[in-house]
Amino acid sequence: MTSIVPVDPVLRERIDAELTRVGEDEGLRILLAVESGSRAWGFPSTDSDYDVRFLYLHPLDWYLSVRERPDTVSRPIIEGLDLSGWDIRKALRLLGGSNMALFEWVASPVVYGMDQLFVERLRALMIAFFQPRAALNHYMGMTRKYWSAMIDAGEVRLKHYCYTLRTSLACRWIVERRTPPPMDLAALRVLLGEDALQHRIDTLIEQKRVADESAVVPRDPVLHTAIGSMVDDAAARGASLDAGGSDPAHLDSFFRSLLSE
């Protein structure tokens, strides 16, 4: 398994070992394993967990049962390692509703392992099932969750600034480009151009890198104005977005092709 973004070698070895153990213990094949949290978003803190997420496939006979079977696998969080995954059938069901967590996993810049052909085929399928309106609602909901607590605050948690910048930029990406937004903040920042706001974000990320998850900073009027503007603009333009989506039969065909391999 290879990583696109460097990961601490000791943690990397531990993650690889845990993923191998999960596959052996559960009798499944891991198709994709990635980082999903702040380490993939581009603004980890000193005490950020490693949020490892994966998609997996069981052998054919596992699915041919009258019993309901679990469609997730997880392990207790131990020493900062949070590891859980979805059965591919669950993932495809969620894809039918344009689930943005799945889109983020597949777009993660930190990859612990992948079946290259599977990922290429899944990405092609995901384009057809992307629903701009649902995606905007997802990121608007996340943005408002933090923005409502920040808007009048004198001090703001560093992580909330970073979270809200990422999700509000994702909203802007969707209304401007009508495509799935990148997962990481660095890729989203191309929407901002070169201005003083970029410098403020650089400073924010550097502060978070050396702080813990509870750290706070004074309210920044420039950041507040930028976030508020993006929230208002996305809300005003969201009504023009297409619902999107595709024929669920394509999901069935994709699933059956995986089982026949």
C-alpha atoms as a PDB file:
ATOM      1  CA  MET A   1       0.000   0.000   0.000  1.00  0.00           C
ATOM      2  CA  THR A   2       1.309   3.454  -0.946  1.00  0.00           C
ATOM      3  CA  SER A   3       0.474   6.928   0.320  1.00  0.00           C
ATOM      4  CA  ILE A   4       0.036  10.065  -1.768  1.00  0.00           C
ATOM      5  CA  VAL A   5       0.667  12.376   1.202  1.00  0.00           C
ATOM      6  CA  PRO A   6       3.431  11.491   3.707  1.00  0.00           C
ATOM      7  CA  VAL A   7       2.274   9.903   6.953  1.00  0.00           C
ATOM      8  CA  ASP A   8       4.401   9.299  10.029  1.00  0.00           C
ATOM      9  CA  PRO A   9       6.195   5.991   9.200  1.00  0.00           C
ATOM     10  CA  VAL A  10       5.421   4.419  12.586  1.00  0.00           C
ATOM     11  CA  LEU A  11       1.708   5.246  12.291  1.00  0.00           C
ATOM     12  CA  ARG A  12       1.730   4.165   8.674  1.00  0.00           C
ATOM     13  CA  GLU A  13       3.059   0.737   9.597  1.00  0.00           C
ATOM     14  CA  ARG A  14       0.442   0.432  12.331  1.00  0.00           C
ATOM     15  CA  ILE A  15      -2.377   1.462   9.963  1.00  0.00           C
ATOM     16  CA  ASP A  16      -1.259  -1.050   7.334  1.00  0.00           C
ATOM     17  CA  ALA A  17      -1.136  -3.788   9.954  1.00  0.00           C
ATOM     18  CA  GLU A  18      -4.614  -2.931  11.280  1.00  0.00           C
ATOM     19  CA  LEU A  19      -6.121  -2.906   7.791  1.00  0.00           C
ATOM     20  CA  THR A  20      -4.550  -6.284   7.048  1.00  0.00           C
ATOM     21  CA  ARG A  21      -5.895  -7.653  10.344  1.00  0.00           C
ATOM     22  CA  VAL A  22      -9.413  -6.386   9.595  1.00  0.00           C
ATOM     23  CA  GLY A  23      -9.396  -8.078   6.204  1.00  0.00           C
ATOM     24  CA  GLU A  24      -8.269 -11.377   7.704  1.00  0.00           C
ATOM     25  CA  ASP A  25     -10.560 -11.269  10.758  1.00  0.00           C
ATOM     26  CA  GLU A  26     -13.683 -10.288   8.804  1.00  0.00           C
ATOM     27  CA  GLY A  27     -13.016 -12.274   5.639  1.00  0.00           C
ATOM     28  CA  LEU A  28     -13.253  -9.267   3.344  1.00  0.00           C
ATOM     29  CA  ARG A  29     -11.251  -7.482   0.652  1.00  0.00           C
ATOM     30  CA  ILE A  30     -10.458  -3.825   1.175  1.00  0.00           C
ATOM     31  CA  LEU A  31     -10.970  -1.904  -2.064  1.00  0.00           C
ATOM     32  CA  LEU A  32      -9.968   1.550  -0.872  1.00  0.00           C
ATOM     33  CA  ALA A  33      -8.505   2.875   2.389  1.00  0.00           C
ATOM     34  CA  VAL A  34      -7.964   6.588   3.003  1.00  0.00           C
ATOM     35  CA  GLU A  35      -7.624   9.308   5.615  1.00  0.00           C
ATOM     36  CA  SER A  36     -10.880  11.214   6.119  1.00  0.00           C
ATOM     37  CA  GLY A  37     -10.385  13.813   8.855  1.00  0.00           C
ATOM     38  CA  SER A  38      -8.351  16.947   9.440  1.00  0.00           C
ATOM     39  CA  ARG A  39      -5.145  15.261   8.277  1.00  0.00           C
ATOM     40  CA  ALA A  40      -6.710  14.862   4.842  1.00  0.00           C
ATOM     41  CA  TRP A  41      -8.445  18.247   4.965  1.00  0.00           C
ATOM     42  CA  GLY A  42      -5.022  19.867   5.372  1.00  0.00           C
ATOM     43  CA  PHE A  43      -5.183  21.308   8.889  1.00  0.00           C
ATOM     44  CA  PRO A  44      -4.316  18.712  11.577  1.00  0.00           C
ATOM     45  CA  SER A  45      -3.551  19.681  15.163  1.00  0.00           C
ATOM     46  CA  THR A  46      -0.928  18.145  17.401  1.00  0.00           C
ATOM     47  CA  ASP A  47      -3.519  15.778  18.893  1.00  0.00           C
ATOM     48  CA  SER A  48      -5.629  15.029  15.804  1.00  0.00           C
ATOM     49  CA  ASP A  49      -6.704  11.414  15.395  1.00  0.00           C
ATOM     50  CA  TYR A  50      -5.941   9.368  12.321  1.00  0.00           C
ATOM     51  CA  ASP A  51      -9.410   8.855  10.823  1.00  0.00           C
ATOM     52  CA  VAL A  52      -8.954   5.844   8.539  1.00  0.00           C
ATOM     53  CA  ARG A  53     -11.964   4.968   6.368  1.00  0.00           C
ATOM     54  CA  PHE A  54     -12.307   2.117   3.910  1.00  0.00           C
ATOM     55  CA  LEU A  55     -14.617   0.410   1.420  1.00  0.00           C
ATOM     56  CA  TYR A  56     -14.685  -3.367   1.310  1.00  0.00           C
ATOM     57  CA  LEU A  57     -16.180  -6.348  -0.456  1.00  0.00           C
ATOM     58  CA  HIS A  58     -17.158  -9.767   0.907  1.00  0.00           C
ATOM     59  CA  PRO A  59     -17.103 -12.996  -1.132  1.00  0.00           C
ATOM     60  CA  LEU A  60     -20.262 -13.711  -3.135  1.00  0.00           C
ATOM     61  CA  ASP A  61     -21.671 -16.270  -0.677  1.00  0.00           C
ATOM     62  CA  TRP A  62     -21.686 -13.690   2.120  1.00  0.00           C
ATOM     63  CA  TYR A  63     -24.351 -11.692   0.255  1.00  0.00           C
ATOM     64  CA  LEU A  64     -26.498 -14.750  -0.550  1.00  0.00           C
ATOM     65  CA  SER A  65     -28.201 -15.002   2.816  1.00  0.00           C
ATOM     66  CA  VAL A  66     -31.719 -14.503   4.131  1.00  0.00           C
ATOM     67  CA  ARG A  67     -30.248 -12.939   7.252  1.00  0.00           C
ATOM     68  CA  GLU A  68     -29.529  -9.243   7.607  1.00  0.00           C
ATOM     69  CA  ARG A  69     -25.776  -8.819   7.698  1.00  0.00           C
ATOM     70  CA  PRO A  70     -23.740  -5.925   9.125  1.00  0.00           C
ATOM     71  CA  ASP A  71     -22.743  -3.385   6.487  1.00  0.00           C
ATOM     72  CA  THR A  72     -20.065  -1.594   8.501  1.00  0.00           C
ATOM     73  CA  VAL A  73     -16.862  -2.638  10.233  1.00  0.00           C
ATOM     74  CA  SER A  74     -15.174  -0.561  12.923  1.00  0.00           C
ATOM     75  CA  ARG A  75     -12.566  -0.872  15.607  1.00  0.00           C
ATOM     76  CA  PRO A  76     -12.378   0.945  18.980  1.00  0.00           C
ATOM     77  CA  ILE A  77     -10.321   4.143  18.901  1.00  0.00           C
ATOM     78  CA  ILE A  78      -6.962   3.291  20.445  1.00  0.00           C
ATOM     79  CA  GLU A  79      -4.068   5.738  20.775  1.00  0.00           C
ATOM     80  CA  GLY A  80      -5.444   8.125  18.183  1.00  0.00           C
ATOM     81  CA  LEU A  81      -6.322   5.563  15.502  1.00  0.00           C
ATOM     82  CA  ASP A  82      -9.984   5.639  14.427  1.00  0.00           C
ATOM     83  CA  LEU A  83     -10.669   2.928  11.851  1.00  0.00           C
ATOM     84  CA  SER A  84     -14.003   2.077  10.231  1.00  0.00           C
ATOM     85  CA  GLY A  85     -15.411   1.096   6.846  1.00  0.00           C
ATOM     86  CA  TRP A  86     -18.488   0.480   4.710  1.00  0.00           C
ATOM     87  CA  ASP A  87     -19.493  -2.569   2.758  1.00  0.00           C
ATOM     88  CA  ILE A  88     -19.537  -1.654  -0.932  1.00  0.00           C
ATOM     89  CA  ARG A  89     -23.252  -2.414  -1.181  1.00  0.00           C
ATOM     90  CA  LYS A  90     -23.946   0.169   1.542  1.00  0.00           C
ATOM     91  CA  ALA A  91     -21.639   2.626  -0.203  1.00  0.00           C
ATOM     92  CA  LEU A  92     -23.459   2.196  -3.511  1.00  0.00           C
ATOM     93  CA  ARG A  93     -26.830   2.703  -1.854  1.00  0.00           C
ATOM     94  CA  LEU A  94     -25.538   5.941  -0.380  1.00  0.00           C
ATOM     95  CA  LEU A  95     -24.096   6.951  -3.729  1.00  0.00           C
ATOM     96  CA  GLY A  96     -27.631   6.801  -5.113  1.00  0.00           C
ATOM     97  CA  GLY A  97     -28.395   9.760  -2.850  1.00  0.00           C
ATOM     98  CA  SER A  98     -25.135  11.568  -3.667  1.00  0.00           C
ATOM     99  CA  ASN A  99     -23.675  10.962  -0.184  1.00  0.00           C
ATOM    100  CA  MET A 100     -20.844  13.471   0.160  1.00  0.00           C
ATOM    101  CA  ALA A 101     -18.903  11.507   2.766  1.00  0.00           C
ATOM    102  CA  LEU A 102     -18.358   8.860   0.100  1.00  0.00           C
ATOM    103  CA  PHE A 103     -17.295  11.504  -2.421  1.00  0.00           C
ATOM    104  CA  GLU A 104     -14.762  12.802   0.099  1.00  0.00           C
ATOM    105  CA  TRP A 105     -13.317   9.373   0.807  1.00  0.00           C
ATOM    106  CA  VAL A 106     -12.762   8.728  -2.878  1.00  0.00           C
ATOM    107  CA  ALA A 107     -11.191  12.194  -3.284  1.00  0.00           C
ATOM    108  CA  SER A 108      -8.930  11.956  -0.219  1.00  0.00           C
ATOM    109  CA  PRO A 109      -5.320  13.049  -0.863  1.00  0.00           C
ATOM    110  CA  VAL A 110      -4.092  10.561   1.765  1.00  0.00           C
ATOM    111  CA  VAL A 111      -4.440   7.024   0.407  1.00  0.00           C
ATOM    112  CA  TYR A 112      -3.403   3.974   2.422  1.00  0.00           C
ATOM    113  CA  GLY A 113      -4.322   1.463  -0.253  1.00  0.00           C
ATOM    114  CA  MET A 114      -6.537   1.012  -3.283  1.00  0.00           C
ATOM    115  CA  ASP A 115      -7.637  -1.317  -6.023  1.00  0.00           C
ATOM    116  CA  GLN A 116      -6.793   1.048  -8.876  1.00  0.00           C
ATOM    117  CA  LEU A 117      -9.257  -0.361 -11.414  1.00  0.00           C
ATOM    118  CA  PHE A 118     -12.090  -0.369  -8.866  1.00  0.00           C
ATOM    119  CA  VAL A 119     -11.446   3.260  -7.924  1.00  0.00           C
ATOM    120  CA  GLU A 120     -11.315   4.400 -11.553  1.00  0.00           C
ATOM    121  CA  ARG A 121     -14.626   2.683 -12.306  1.00  0.00           C
ATOM    122  CA  LEU A 122     -16.225   4.004  -9.112  1.00  0.00           C
ATOM    123  CA  ARG A 123     -15.152   7.571  -9.888  1.00  0.00           C
ATOM    124  CA  ALA A 124     -16.747   7.350 -13.327  1.00  0.00           C
ATOM    125  CA  LEU A 125     -19.969   6.103 -11.734  1.00  0.00           C
ATOM    126  CA  MET A 126     -19.918   8.839  -9.118  1.00  0.00           C
ATOM    127  CA  ILE A 127     -19.888  11.579 -11.758  1.00  0.00           C
ATOM    128  CA  ALA A 128     -23.239  10.319 -13.041  1.00  0.00           C
ATOM    129  CA  PHE A 129     -24.757  10.230  -9.535  1.00  0.00           C
ATOM    130  CA  PHE A 130     -23.518  13.601  -8.298  1.00  0.00           C
ATOM    131  CA  GLN A 131     -26.453  15.772  -7.222  1.00  0.00           C
ATOM    132  CA  PRO A 132     -25.399  19.445  -6.950  1.00  0.00           C
ATOM    133  CA  ARG A 133     -28.437  20.502  -4.943  1.00  0.00           C
ATOM    134  CA  ALA A 134     -28.030  17.706  -2.375  1.00  0.00           C
ATOM    135  CA  ALA A 135     -24.294  18.374  -2.160  1.00  0.00           C
ATOM    136  CA  LEU A 136     -24.870  22.056  -1.476  1.00  0.00           C
ATOM    137  CA  ASN A 137     -27.411  21.230   1.237  1.00  0.00           C
ATOM    138  CA  HIS A 138     -24.863  18.917   2.854  1.00  0.00           C
ATOM    139  CA  TYR A 139     -22.106  21.519   3.017  1.00  0.00           C
ATOM    140  CA  MET A 140     -24.471  24.348   3.900  1.00  0.00           C
ATOM    141  CA  GLY A 141     -25.709  22.311   6.841  1.00  0.00           C
ATOM    142  CA  MET A 142     -22.160  21.720   8.051  1.00  0.00           C
ATOM    143  CA  THR A 143     -21.230  25.373   7.572  1.00  0.00           C
ATOM    144  CA  ARG A 144     -24.230  26.692   9.471  1.00  0.00           C
ATOM    145  CA  LYS A 145     -23.588  24.267  12.331  1.00  0.00           C
ATOM    146  CA  TYR A 146     -20.334  26.046  13.176  1.00  0.00           C
ATOM    147  CA  TRP A 147     -21.136  29.489  11.764  1.00  0.00           C
ATOM    148  CA  SER A 148     -24.096  29.982  14.097  1.00  0.00           C
ATOM    149  CA  ALA A 149     -21.794  29.561  17.103  1.00  0.00           C
ATOM    150  CA  MET A 150     -19.014  31.721  15.604  1.00  0.00           C
ATOM    151  CA  ILE A 151     -20.859  34.633  14.081  1.00  0.00           C
ATOM    152  CA  ASP A 152     -21.008  36.834  17.199  1.00  0.00           C
ATOM    153  CA  ALA A 153     -18.177  35.256  19.194  1.00  0.00           C
ATOM    154  CA  GLY A 154     -15.228  37.285  20.474  1.00  0.00           C
ATOM    155  CA  GLU A 155     -13.011  34.207  20.344  1.00  0.00           C
ATOM    156  CA  VAL A 156     -13.282  31.310  17.909  1.00  0.00           C
ATOM    157  CA  ARG A 157     -11.909  27.797  18.121  1.00  0.00           C
ATOM    158  CA  LEU A 158      -9.192  27.327  15.528  1.00  0.00           C
ATOM    159  CA  LYS A 159     -10.759  24.112  14.302  1.00  0.00           C
ATOM    160  CA  HIS A 160     -14.108  25.842  13.745  1.00  0.00           C
ATOM    161  CA  TYR A 161     -12.497  28.496  11.566  1.00  0.00           C
ATOM    162  CA  CYS A 162     -10.808  25.779   9.503  1.00  0.00           C
ATOM    163  CA  TYR A 163     -13.917  23.608   9.277  1.00  0.00           C
ATOM    164  CA  THR A 164     -16.121  26.517   8.257  1.00  0.00           C
ATOM    165  CA  LEU A 165     -13.667  27.810   5.664  1.00  0.00           C
ATOM    166  CA  ARG A 166     -13.499  24.369   4.087  1.00  0.00           C
ATOM    167  CA  THR A 167     -17.245  23.784   3.960  1.00  0.00           C
ATOM    168  CA  SER A 168     -18.140  27.323   2.849  1.00  0.00           C
ATOM    169  CA  LEU A 169     -15.575  27.054   0.045  1.00  0.00           C
ATOM    170  CA  ALA A 170     -17.095  23.692  -0.879  1.00  0.00           C
ATOM    171  CA  CYS A 171     -20.466  25.465  -1.177  1.00  0.00           C
ATOM    172  CA  ARG A 172     -18.909  28.088  -3.420  1.00  0.00           C
ATOM    173  CA  TRP A 173     -17.274  25.387  -5.545  1.00  0.00           C
ATOM    174  CA  ILE A 174     -20.599  23.638  -6.085  1.00  0.00           C
ATOM    175  CA  VAL A 175     -22.535  26.750  -7.110  1.00  0.00           C
ATOM    176  CA  GLU A 176     -19.748  27.983  -9.392  1.00  0.00           C
ATOM    177  CA  ARG A 177     -18.527  24.730 -10.955  1.00  0.00           C
ATOM    178  CA  ARG A 178     -21.413  22.273 -10.543  1.00  0.00           C
ATOM    179  CA  THR A 179     -18.921  19.472  -9.781  1.00  0.00           C
ATOM    180  CA  PRO A 180     -17.957  17.579  -6.606  1.00  0.00           C
ATOM    181  CA  PRO A 181     -15.679  19.823  -4.526  1.00  0.00           C
ATOM    182  CA  PRO A 182     -12.163  18.727  -3.578  1.00  0.00           C
ATOM    183  CA  MET A 183     -11.840  17.328  -0.091  1.00  0.00           C
ATOM    184  CA  ASP A 184      -8.836  19.340   1.059  1.00  0.00           C
ATOM    185  CA  LEU A 185      -8.727  23.029   1.886  1.00  0.00           C
ATOM    186  CA  ALA A 186      -5.630  23.654  -0.240  1.00  0.00           C
ATOM    187  CA  ALA A 187      -7.417  22.610  -3.427  1.00  0.00           C
ATOM    188  CA  LEU A 188     -10.526  24.634  -2.537  1.00  0.00           C
ATOM    189  CA  ARG A 189      -8.499  27.790  -1.997  1.00  0.00           C
ATOM    190  CA  VAL A 190      -7.972  28.270  -5.732  1.00  0.00           C
ATOM    191  CA  LEU A 191     -11.404  29.927  -5.663  1.00  0.00           C
ATOM    192  CA  LEU A 192     -10.030  32.792  -3.604  1.00  0.00           C
ATOM    193  CA  GLY A 193      -7.264  34.049  -5.874  1.00  0.00           C
ATOM    194  CA  GLU A 194      -4.198  35.758  -4.434  1.00  0.00           C
ATOM    195  CA  ASP A 195      -5.151  38.205  -1.733  1.00  0.00           C
ATOM    196  CA  ALA A 196      -4.780  39.014   1.956  1.00  0.00           C
ATOM    197  CA  LEU A 197      -7.292  36.311   2.829  1.00  0.00           C
ATOM    198  CA  GLN A 198      -4.883  33.627   1.619  1.00  0.00           C
ATOM    199  CA  HIS A 199      -2.237  34.908   4.038  1.00  0.00           C
ATOM    200  CA  ARG A 200      -4.715  34.804   6.896  1.00  0.00           C
ATOM    201  CA  ILE A 201      -5.610  31.194   6.064  1.00  0.00           C
ATOM    202  CA  ASP A 202      -1.906  30.253   5.944  1.00  0.00           C
ATOM    203  CA  THR A 203      -1.477  31.751   9.401  1.00  0.00           C
ATOM    204  CA  LEU A 204      -4.565  29.955  10.684  1.00  0.00           C
ATOM    205  CA  ILE A 205      -3.341  26.559   9.453  1.00  0.00           C
ATOM    206  CA  GLU A 206       0.111  27.109  10.946  1.00  0.00           C
ATOM    207  CA  GLN A 207      -1.449  28.036  14.299  1.00  0.00           C
ATOM    208  CA  LYS A 208      -3.552  24.892  14.237  1.00  0.00           C
ATOM    209  CA  ARG A 209      -0.566  22.726  13.325  1.00  0.00           C
ATOM    210  CA  VAL A 210       1.197  23.552  16.605  1.00  0.00           C
ATOM    211  CA  ALA A 211      -1.913  23.768  18.802  1.00  0.00           C
ATOM    212  CA  ASP A 212      -4.328  21.220  20.211  1.00  0.00           C
ATOM    213  CA  GLU A 213      -7.964  20.733  19.204  1.00  0.00           C
ATOM    214  CA  SER A 214      -9.270  23.083  21.919  1.00  0.00           C
ATOM    215  CA  ALA A 215      -7.194  26.135  20.919  1.00  0.00           C
ATOM    216  CA  VAL A 216      -8.982  29.461  20.333  1.00  0.00           C
ATOM    217  CA  VAL A 217      -8.022  32.673  18.512  1.00  0.00           C
ATOM    218  CA  PRO A 218      -9.485  36.196  18.554  1.00  0.00           C
ATOM    219  CA  ARG A 219     -12.266  36.888  16.105  1.00  0.00           C
ATOM    220  CA  ASP A 220     -10.849  37.844  12.684  1.00  0.00           C
ATOM    221  CA  PRO A 221     -13.156  40.348  10.930  1.00  0.00           C
ATOM    222  CA  VAL A 222     -11.724  39.561   7.490  1.00  0.00           C
ATOM    223  CA  LEU A 223     -12.309  35.818   7.872  1.00  0.00           C
ATOM    224  CA  HIS A 224     -15.768  36.452   9.302  1.00  0.00           C
ATOM    225  CA  THR A 225     -16.701  38.679   6.379  1.00  0.00           C
ATOM    226  CA  ALA A 226     -15.397  36.172   3.833  1.00  0.00           C
ATOM    227  CA  ILE A 227     -17.249  33.237   5.368  1.00  0.00           C
ATOM    228  CA  GLY A 228     -20.471  35.194   5.758  1.00  0.00           C
ATOM    229  CA  SER A 229     -20.291  36.347   2.154  1.00  0.00           C
ATOM    230  CA  MET A 230     -19.799  32.796   0.867  1.00  0.00           C
ATOM    231  CA  VAL A 231     -22.679  31.490   2.971  1.00  0.00           C
ATOM    232  CA  ASP A 232     -25.048  34.215   1.756  1.00  0.00           C
ATOM    233  CA  ASP A 233     -23.983  33.819  -1.876  1.00  0.00           C
ATOM    234  CA  ALA A 234     -24.404  30.034  -1.858  1.00  0.00           C
ATOM    235  CA  ALA A 235     -27.829  30.336  -0.245  1.00  0.00           C
ATOM    236  CA  ALA A 236     -28.938  32.856  -2.885  1.00  0.00           C
ATOM    237  CA  ARG A 237     -27.655  30.833  -5.840  1.00  0.00           C
ATOM    238  CA  GLY A 238     -28.536  27.360  -4.595  1.00  0.00           C
ATOM    239  CA  ALA A 239     -32.041  27.379  -6.054  1.00  0.00           C
ATOM    240  CA  SER A 240     -30.567  27.349  -9.561  1.00  0.00           C
ATOM    241  CA  LEU A 241     -28.765  24.034  -9.051  1.00  0.00           C
ATOM    242  CA  ASP A 242     -29.939  20.865 -10.786  1.00  0.00           C
ATOM    243  CA  ALA A 243     -31.157  17.925  -8.746  1.00  0.00           C
ATOM    244  CA  GLY A 244     -28.947  15.566 -10.792  1.00  0.00           C
ATOM    245  CA  GLY A 245     -28.758  11.814 -10.293  1.00  0.00           C
ATOM    246  CA  SER A 246     -28.935   8.747 -12.512  1.00  0.00           C
ATOM    247  CA  ASP A 247     -30.646   5.379 -12.970  1.00  0.00           C
ATOM    248  CA  PRO A 248     -30.186   3.123  -9.885  1.00  0.00           C
ATOM    249  CA  ALA A 249     -29.874   0.161 -12.246  1.00  0.00           C
ATOM    250  CA  HIS A 250     -26.309   1.335 -12.919  1.00  0.00           C
ATOM    251  CA  LEU A 251     -25.499   0.766  -9.251  1.00  0.00           C
ATOM    252  CA  ASP A 252     -26.839  -2.793  -9.430  1.00  0.00           C
ATOM    253  CA  SER A 253     -24.753  -3.481 -12.530  1.00  0.00           C
ATOM    254  CA  PHE A 254     -21.637  -2.129 -10.872  1.00  0.00           C
ATOM    255  CA  PHE A 255     -22.201  -4.248  -7.762  1.00  0.00           C
ATOM    256  CA  ARG A 256     -22.825  -7.418  -9.752  1.00  0.00           C
ATOM    257  CA  SER A 257     -19.698  -6.862 -11.807  1.00  0.00           C
ATOM    258  CA  LEU A 258     -17.630  -6.636  -8.605  1.00  0.00           C
ATOM    259  CA  LEU A 259     -19.083  -9.901  -7.322  1.00  0.00           C
ATOM    260  CA  SER A 260     -18.382 -11.691 -10.592  1.00  0.00           C
ATOM    261  CA  GLU A 261     -14.692 -10.805 -10.649  1.00  0.00           C
END
